[in-house]
PDB file of N, CA and C in Angstrom:
ATOM      1  N   MET A   1       0.935  -9.323  -7.767  1.00  0.00           N
ATOM      2  CA  MET A   1       0.091  -8.184  -8.623  1.00  0.00           C
ATOM      3  C   MET A   1       0.710  -7.192  -8.476  1.00  0.00           C
ATOM      4  N   ASP A   2       0.148  -5.958  -8.958  1.00  0.00           N
ATOM      5  CA  ASP A   2       0.955  -4.694  -9.246  1.00  0.00           C
ATOM      6  C   ASP A   2       0.435  -3.848  -8.272  1.00  0.00           C
ATOM      7  N   GLY A   3       1.042  -3.305  -7.338  1.00  0.00           N
ATOM      8  CA  GLY A   3       0.497  -2.442  -6.336  1.00  0.00           C
ATOM      9  C   GLY A   3       0.347  -0.808  -6.682  1.00  0.00           C
ATOM     10  N   ARG A   4       0.410  -1.007  -8.409  1.00  0.00           N
ATOM     11  CA  ARG A   4       0.672   0.622  -8.777  1.00  0.00           C
ATOM     12  C   ARG A   4      -0.829   0.714  -9.311  1.00  0.00           C
ATOM     13  N   GLU A   5      -1.601  -0.300  -9.399  1.00  0.00           N
ATOM     14  CA  GLU A   5      -2.917   0.092 -10.002  1.00  0.00           C
ATOM     15  C   GLU A   5      -3.901  -0.614  -8.699  1.00  0.00           C
ATOM     16  N   ARG A   6      -4.809   0.614  -8.592  1.00  0.00           N
ATOM     17  CA  ARG A   6      -6.059   0.427  -7.742  1.00  0.00           C
ATOM     18  C   ARG A   6      -7.026  -0.833  -7.805  1.00  0.00           C
ATOM     19  N   LYS A   7      -7.016  -1.243  -8.946  1.00  0.00           N
ATOM     20  CA  LYS A   7      -8.075  -2.585  -9.470  1.00  0.00           C
ATOM     21  C   LYS A   7      -7.219  -3.370  -8.767  1.00  0.00           C
ATOM     22  N   ASN A   8      -6.382  -3.788  -8.541  1.00  0.00           N
ATOM     23  CA  ASN A   8      -5.596  -5.043  -7.805  1.00  0.00           C
ATOM     24  C   ASN A   8      -5.861  -4.889  -6.519  1.00  0.00           C
ATOM     25  N   ILE A   9      -6.124  -3.933  -5.793  1.00  0.00           N
ATOM     26  CA  ILE A   9      -6.198  -3.392  -4.108  1.00  0.00           C
ATOM     27  C   ILE A   9      -7.508  -3.891  -3.746  1.00  0.00           C
ATOM     28  N   LYS A  10      -7.858  -4.725  -2.689  1.00  0.00           N
ATOM     29  CA  LYS A  10      -8.919  -4.623  -1.975  1.00  0.00           C
ATOM     30  C   LYS A  10      -8.755  -4.648  -0.628  1.00  0.00           C
ATOM     31  N   VAL A  11      -9.875  -4.064  -0.063  1.00  0.00           N
ATOM     32  CA  VAL A  11     -10.159  -4.139   1.469  1.00  0.00           C
ATOM     33  C   VAL A  11      -9.758  -5.478   1.978  1.00  0.00           C
ATOM     34  N   GLY A  12      -9.001  -5.520   2.763  1.00  0.00           N
ATOM     35  CA  GLY A  12      -8.760  -6.963   3.360  1.00  0.00           C
ATOM     36  C   GLY A  12      -7.590  -7.814   2.776  1.00  0.00           C
ATOM     37  N   SER A  13      -7.110  -7.166   1.783  1.00  0.00           N
ATOM     38  CA  SER A  13      -5.998  -7.750   1.085  1.00  0.00           C
ATOM     39  C   SER A  13      -4.754  -7.751   1.807  1.00  0.00           C
ATOM     40  N   LYS A  14      -3.700  -8.779   1.829  1.00  0.00           N
ATOM     41  CA  LYS A  14      -2.537  -8.659   2.609  1.00  0.00           C
ATOM     42  C   LYS A  14      -1.553  -8.002   1.509  1.00  0.00           C
ATOM     43  N   VAL A  15      -1.208  -6.909   2.054  1.00  0.00           N
ATOM     44  CA  VAL A  15       0.508  -6.414   1.528  1.00  0.00           C
ATOM     45  C   VAL A  15       1.430  -6.016   1.815  1.00  0.00           C
ATOM     46  N   ALA A  16       2.306  -5.546   1.371  1.00  0.00           N
ATOM     47  CA  ALA A  16       3.685  -4.933   1.992  1.00  0.00           C
ATOM     48  C   ALA A  16       3.592  -3.622   1.144  1.00  0.00           C
ATOM     49  N   ILE A  17       3.665  -2.592   2.650  1.00  0.00           N
ATOM     50  CA  ILE A  17       3.829  -0.906   2.188  1.00  0.00           C
ATOM     51  C   ILE A  17       5.119  -0.626   2.367  1.00  0.00           C
ATOM     52  N   VAL A  18       5.233   0.590   1.944  1.00  0.00           N
ATOM     53  CA  VAL A  18       6.743   1.413   2.458  1.00  0.00           C
ATOM     54  C   VAL A  18       5.992   2.656   2.894  1.00  0.00           C
ATOM     55  N   GLN A  19       6.201   2.908   4.218  1.00  0.00           N
ATOM     56  CA  GLN A  19       5.798   3.916   4.719  1.00  0.00           C
ATOM     57  C   GLN A  19       6.739   5.146   4.437  1.00  0.00           C
ATOM     58  N   ASN A  20       6.044   6.437   4.633  1.00  0.00           N
ATOM     59  CA  ASN A  20       6.735   7.797   4.428  1.00  0.00           C
ATOM     60  C   ASN A  20       7.949   7.780   5.008  1.00  0.00           C
ATOM     61  N   MET A  21       8.521   6.982   6.321  1.00  0.00           N
ATOM     62  CA  MET A  21       9.350   7.384   6.938  1.00  0.00           C
ATOM     63  C   MET A  21      10.720   6.276   6.359  1.00  0.00           C
ATOM     64  N   ASP A  22      10.044   5.535   5.666  1.00  0.00           N
ATOM     65  CA  ASP A  22      10.899   4.339   5.143  1.00  0.00           C
ATOM     66  C   ASP A  22      11.080   4.299   3.784  1.00  0.00           C
ATOM     67  N   ALA A  23      10.852   5.686   3.190  1.00  0.00           N
ATOM     68  CA  ALA A  23      11.235   5.710   1.774  1.00  0.00           C
ATOM     69  C   ALA A  23      12.473   5.314   1.333  1.00  0.00           C
ATOM     70  N   ARG A  24      13.568   6.076   1.888  1.00  0.00           N
ATOM     71  CA  ARG A  24      14.792   6.011   1.511  1.00  0.00           C
ATOM     72  C   ARG A  24      15.426   4.485   1.397  1.00  0.00           C
ATOM     73  N   SER A  25      14.731   3.967   2.696  1.00  0.00           N
ATOM     74  CA  SER A  25      15.581   2.424   3.214  1.00  0.00           C
ATOM     75  C   SER A  25      15.007   1.383   2.617  1.00  0.00           C
ATOM     76  N   GLY A  26      13.637   1.667   1.859  1.00  0.00           N
ATOM     77  CA  GLY A  26      12.744   0.906   1.508  1.00  0.00           C
ATOM     78  C   GLY A  26      12.054  -0.400   1.910  1.00  0.00           C
ATOM     79  N   HIS A  27      12.352  -0.424   3.602  1.00  0.00           N
ATOM     80  CA  HIS A  27      11.855  -1.038   4.924  1.00  0.00           C
ATOM     81  C   HIS A  27      10.323  -1.417   4.346  1.00  0.00           C
ATOM     82  N   LEU A  28       9.845  -2.756   4.169  1.00  0.00           N
ATOM     83  CA  LEU A  28       8.631  -2.987   3.970  1.00  0.00           C
ATOM     84  C   LEU A  28       8.089  -3.362   5.214  1.00  0.00           C
ATOM     85  N   THR A  29       6.599  -2.772   5.188  1.00  0.00           N
ATOM     86  CA  THR A  29       6.014  -3.372   6.490  1.00  0.00           C
ATOM     87  C   THR A  29       4.462  -4.034   5.831  1.00  0.00           C
ATOM     88  N   HIS A  30       4.406  -5.172   6.486  1.00  0.00           N
ATOM     89  CA  HIS A  30       3.130  -5.902   6.023  1.00  0.00           C
ATOM     90  C   HIS A  30       1.813  -5.968   6.632  1.00  0.00           C
ATOM     91  N   GLY A  31       0.958  -6.174   6.236  1.00  0.00           N
ATOM     92  CA  GLY A  31      -0.457  -5.956   7.200  1.00  0.00           C
ATOM     93  C   GLY A  31      -1.465  -5.768   6.022  1.00  0.00           C
ATOM     94  N   VAL A  32      -2.797  -5.895   6.317  1.00  0.00           N
ATOM     95  CA  VAL A  32      -3.907  -6.018   5.802  1.00  0.00           C
ATOM     96  C   VAL A  32      -4.745  -4.749   5.524  1.00  0.00           C
ATOM     97  N   VAL A  33      -5.258  -4.454   4.186  1.00  0.00           N
ATOM     98  CA  VAL A  33      -5.476  -3.355   3.930  1.00  0.00           C
ATOM     99  C   VAL A  33      -6.829  -2.932   5.008  1.00  0.00           C
ATOM    100  N   LYS A  34      -7.098  -1.871   5.415  1.00  0.00           N
ATOM    101  CA  LYS A  34      -8.093  -1.413   6.325  1.00  0.00           C
ATOM    102  C   LYS A  34      -8.985  -0.227   5.250  1.00  0.00           C
ATOM    103  N   GLU A  35      -8.032   0.681   4.516  1.00  0.00           N
ATOM    104  CA  GLU A  35      -8.578   1.772   3.551  1.00  0.00           C
ATOM    105  C   GLU A  35      -7.907   2.152   2.415  1.00  0.00           C
ATOM    106  N   ILE A  36      -8.572   2.353   1.260  1.00  0.00           N
ATOM    107  CA  ILE A  36      -7.457   3.118   0.280  1.00  0.00           C
ATOM    108  C   ILE A  36      -7.782   4.461   0.087  1.00  0.00           C
ATOM    109  N   LEU A  37      -6.445   5.162   0.354  1.00  0.00           N
ATOM    110  CA  LEU A  37      -6.527   6.655   0.463  1.00  0.00           C
ATOM    111  C   LEU A  37      -6.537   7.285  -0.931  1.00  0.00           C
ATOM    112  N   ASP A  38      -5.805   6.649  -1.856  1.00  0.00           N
ATOM    113  CA  ASP A  38      -5.552   7.248  -3.043  1.00  0.00           C
ATOM    114  C   ASP A  38      -7.022   7.240  -4.007  1.00  0.00           C
ATOM    115  N   GLU A  39      -7.285   8.174  -4.686  1.00  0.00           N
ATOM    116  CA  GLU A  39      -8.460   8.204  -5.578  1.00  0.00           C
ATOM    117  C   GLU A  39      -8.056   7.632  -6.881  1.00  0.00           C
ATOM    118  N   ASP A  40      -6.659   8.055  -7.012  1.00  0.00           N
ATOM    119  CA  ASP A  40      -6.590   7.779  -8.741  1.00  0.00           C
ATOM    120  C   ASP A  40      -6.497   6.264  -8.864  1.00  0.00           C
ATOM    121  N   GLN A  41      -6.471   5.679 -10.248  1.00  0.00           N
ATOM    122  CA  GLN A  41      -6.420   4.466 -10.419  1.00  0.00           C
ATOM    123  C   GLN A  41      -4.966   4.083 -10.834  1.00  0.00           C
ATOM    124  N   PHE A  42      -4.190   5.116 -10.997  1.00  0.00           N
ATOM    125  CA  PHE A  42      -2.453   4.482 -10.948  1.00  0.00           C
ATOM    126  C   PHE A  42      -1.544   5.591 -10.384  1.00  0.00           C
ATOM    127  N   HIS A  43      -0.465   4.965  -9.677  1.00  0.00           N
ATOM    128  CA  HIS A  43       0.140   6.018  -9.056  1.00  0.00           C
ATOM    129  C   HIS A  43       1.294   5.080  -9.228  1.00  0.00           C
ATOM    130  N   LEU A  44       2.708   5.686  -9.799  1.00  0.00           N
ATOM    131  CA  LEU A  44       4.006   5.155 -10.191  1.00  0.00           C
ATOM    132  C   LEU A  44       4.571   4.485  -8.765  1.00  0.00           C
ATOM    133  N   LYS A  45       4.631   5.127  -7.687  1.00  0.00           N
ATOM    134  CA  LYS A  45       5.123   4.613  -6.574  1.00  0.00           C
ATOM    135  C   LYS A  45       4.143   3.867  -5.969  1.00  0.00           C
ATOM    136  N   GLY A  46       3.225   3.233  -6.130  1.00  0.00           N
ATOM    137  CA  GLY A  46       2.202   2.592  -5.444  1.00  0.00           C
ATOM    138  C   GLY A  46       0.728   3.342  -4.925  1.00  0.00           C
ATOM    139  N   ILE A  47      -0.092   2.839  -4.844  1.00  0.00           N
ATOM    140  CA  ILE A  47      -1.477   3.401  -4.509  1.00  0.00           C
ATOM    141  C   ILE A  47      -1.437   3.480  -2.830  1.00  0.00           C
ATOM    142  N   GLN A  48      -1.707   4.521  -2.350  1.00  0.00           N
ATOM    143  CA  GLN A  48      -1.455   4.803  -0.807  1.00  0.00           C
ATOM    144  C   GLN A  48      -2.715   4.121  -0.234  1.00  0.00           C
ATOM    145  N   ILE A  49      -2.582   3.450   1.037  1.00  0.00           N
ATOM    146  CA  ILE A  49      -3.382   2.689   1.595  1.00  0.00           C
ATOM    147  C   ILE A  49      -2.978   2.897   3.263  1.00  0.00           C
ATOM    148  N   LYS A  50      -4.305   2.658   4.031  1.00  0.00           N
ATOM    149  CA  LYS A  50      -3.976   2.521   5.335  1.00  0.00           C
ATOM    150  C   LYS A  50      -4.078   1.037   5.541  1.00  0.00           C
ATOM    151  N   LEU A  51      -3.343   0.533   6.579  1.00  0.00           N
ATOM    152  CA  LEU A  51      -3.391  -1.027   7.478  1.00  0.00           C
ATOM    153  C   LEU A  51      -4.204  -0.943   8.511  1.00  0.00           C
ATOM    154  N   LYS A  52      -4.597  -2.286   8.672  1.00  0.00           N
ATOM    155  CA  LYS A  52      -5.635  -2.117  10.119  1.00  0.00           C
ATOM    156  C   LYS A  52      -4.966  -1.923  11.551  1.00  0.00           C
ATOM    157  N   THR A  53      -3.534  -1.703  11.128  1.00  0.00           N
ATOM    158  CA  THR A  53      -2.932  -1.126  12.511  1.00  0.00           C
ATOM    159  C   THR A  53      -2.807   0.154  12.482  1.00  0.00           C
ATOM    160  N   GLY A  54      -3.031   1.005  11.316  1.00  0.00           N
ATOM    161  CA  GLY A  54      -2.955   2.412  11.501  1.00  0.00           C
ATOM    162  C   GLY A  54      -2.248   3.132  10.571  1.00  0.00           C
ATOM    163  N   GLN A  55      -1.006   2.085  10.105  1.00  0.00           N
ATOM    164  CA  GLN A  55      -0.095   2.669   9.281  1.00  0.00           C
ATOM    165  C   GLN A  55      -0.399   3.077   7.774  1.00  0.00           C
ATOM    166  N   VAL A  56       0.143   3.853   7.503  1.00  0.00           N
ATOM    167  CA  VAL A  56      -0.013   4.348   6.360  1.00  0.00           C
ATOM    168  C   VAL A  56       1.239   4.438   5.129  1.00  0.00           C
ATOM    169  N   GLY A  57       1.015   4.228   4.113  1.00  0.00           N
ATOM    170  CA  GLY A  57       2.093   3.713   3.059  1.00  0.00           C
ATOM    171  C   GLY A  57       1.295   3.427   1.644  1.00  0.00           C
ATOM    172  N   ARG A  58       2.408   3.593   0.950  1.00  0.00           N
ATOM    173  CA  ARG A  58       2.526   2.801  -0.454  1.00  0.00           C
ATOM    174  C   ARG A  58       2.604   1.629  -0.956  1.00  0.00           C
ATOM    175  N   VAL A  59       1.507   0.544  -1.680  1.00  0.00           N
ATOM    176  CA  VAL A  59       1.650  -0.574  -1.522  1.00  0.00           C
ATOM    177  C   VAL A  59       2.760  -1.107  -2.761  1.00  0.00           C
ATOM    178  N   LYS A  60       3.598  -1.922  -2.170  1.00  0.00           N
ATOM    179  CA  LYS A  60       4.744  -2.073  -3.337  1.00  0.00           C
ATOM    180  C   LYS A  60       4.645  -3.636  -3.608  1.00  0.00           C
ATOM    181  N   MET A  61       3.818  -4.536  -2.922  1.00  0.00           N
ATOM    182  CA  MET A  61       3.744  -5.938  -3.186  1.00  0.00           C
ATOM    183  C   MET A  61       2.193  -6.484  -2.347  1.00  0.00           C
ATOM    184  N   ILE A  62       1.691  -7.119  -3.519  1.00  0.00           N
ATOM    185  CA  ILE A  62       0.229  -7.786  -2.889  1.00  0.00           C
ATOM    186  C   ILE A  62       0.442  -8.985  -2.674  1.00  0.00           C
ATOM    187  N   LYS A  63      -0.105  -9.850  -1.861  1.00  0.00           N
ATOM    188  CA  LYS A  63       0.298 -11.091  -1.336  1.00  0.00           C
ATOM    189  C   LYS A  63      -0.852 -12.141  -1.630  1.00  0.00           C
TER     190      LYS A  63
END
């Protein structure tokens, strides 16, 4: 599914995100969505979320 559309992301979903500090390398961090931070319905680089571990980043892949 597309991580650029808010409608595809639900709290509790397993996702892969790119954190701000990993934006250049593209390193993915995997986890479970705790909170959706973006209010936009679509974002070109991915919807910003917070994982249950507290890490924040943009969704690149929804599992």
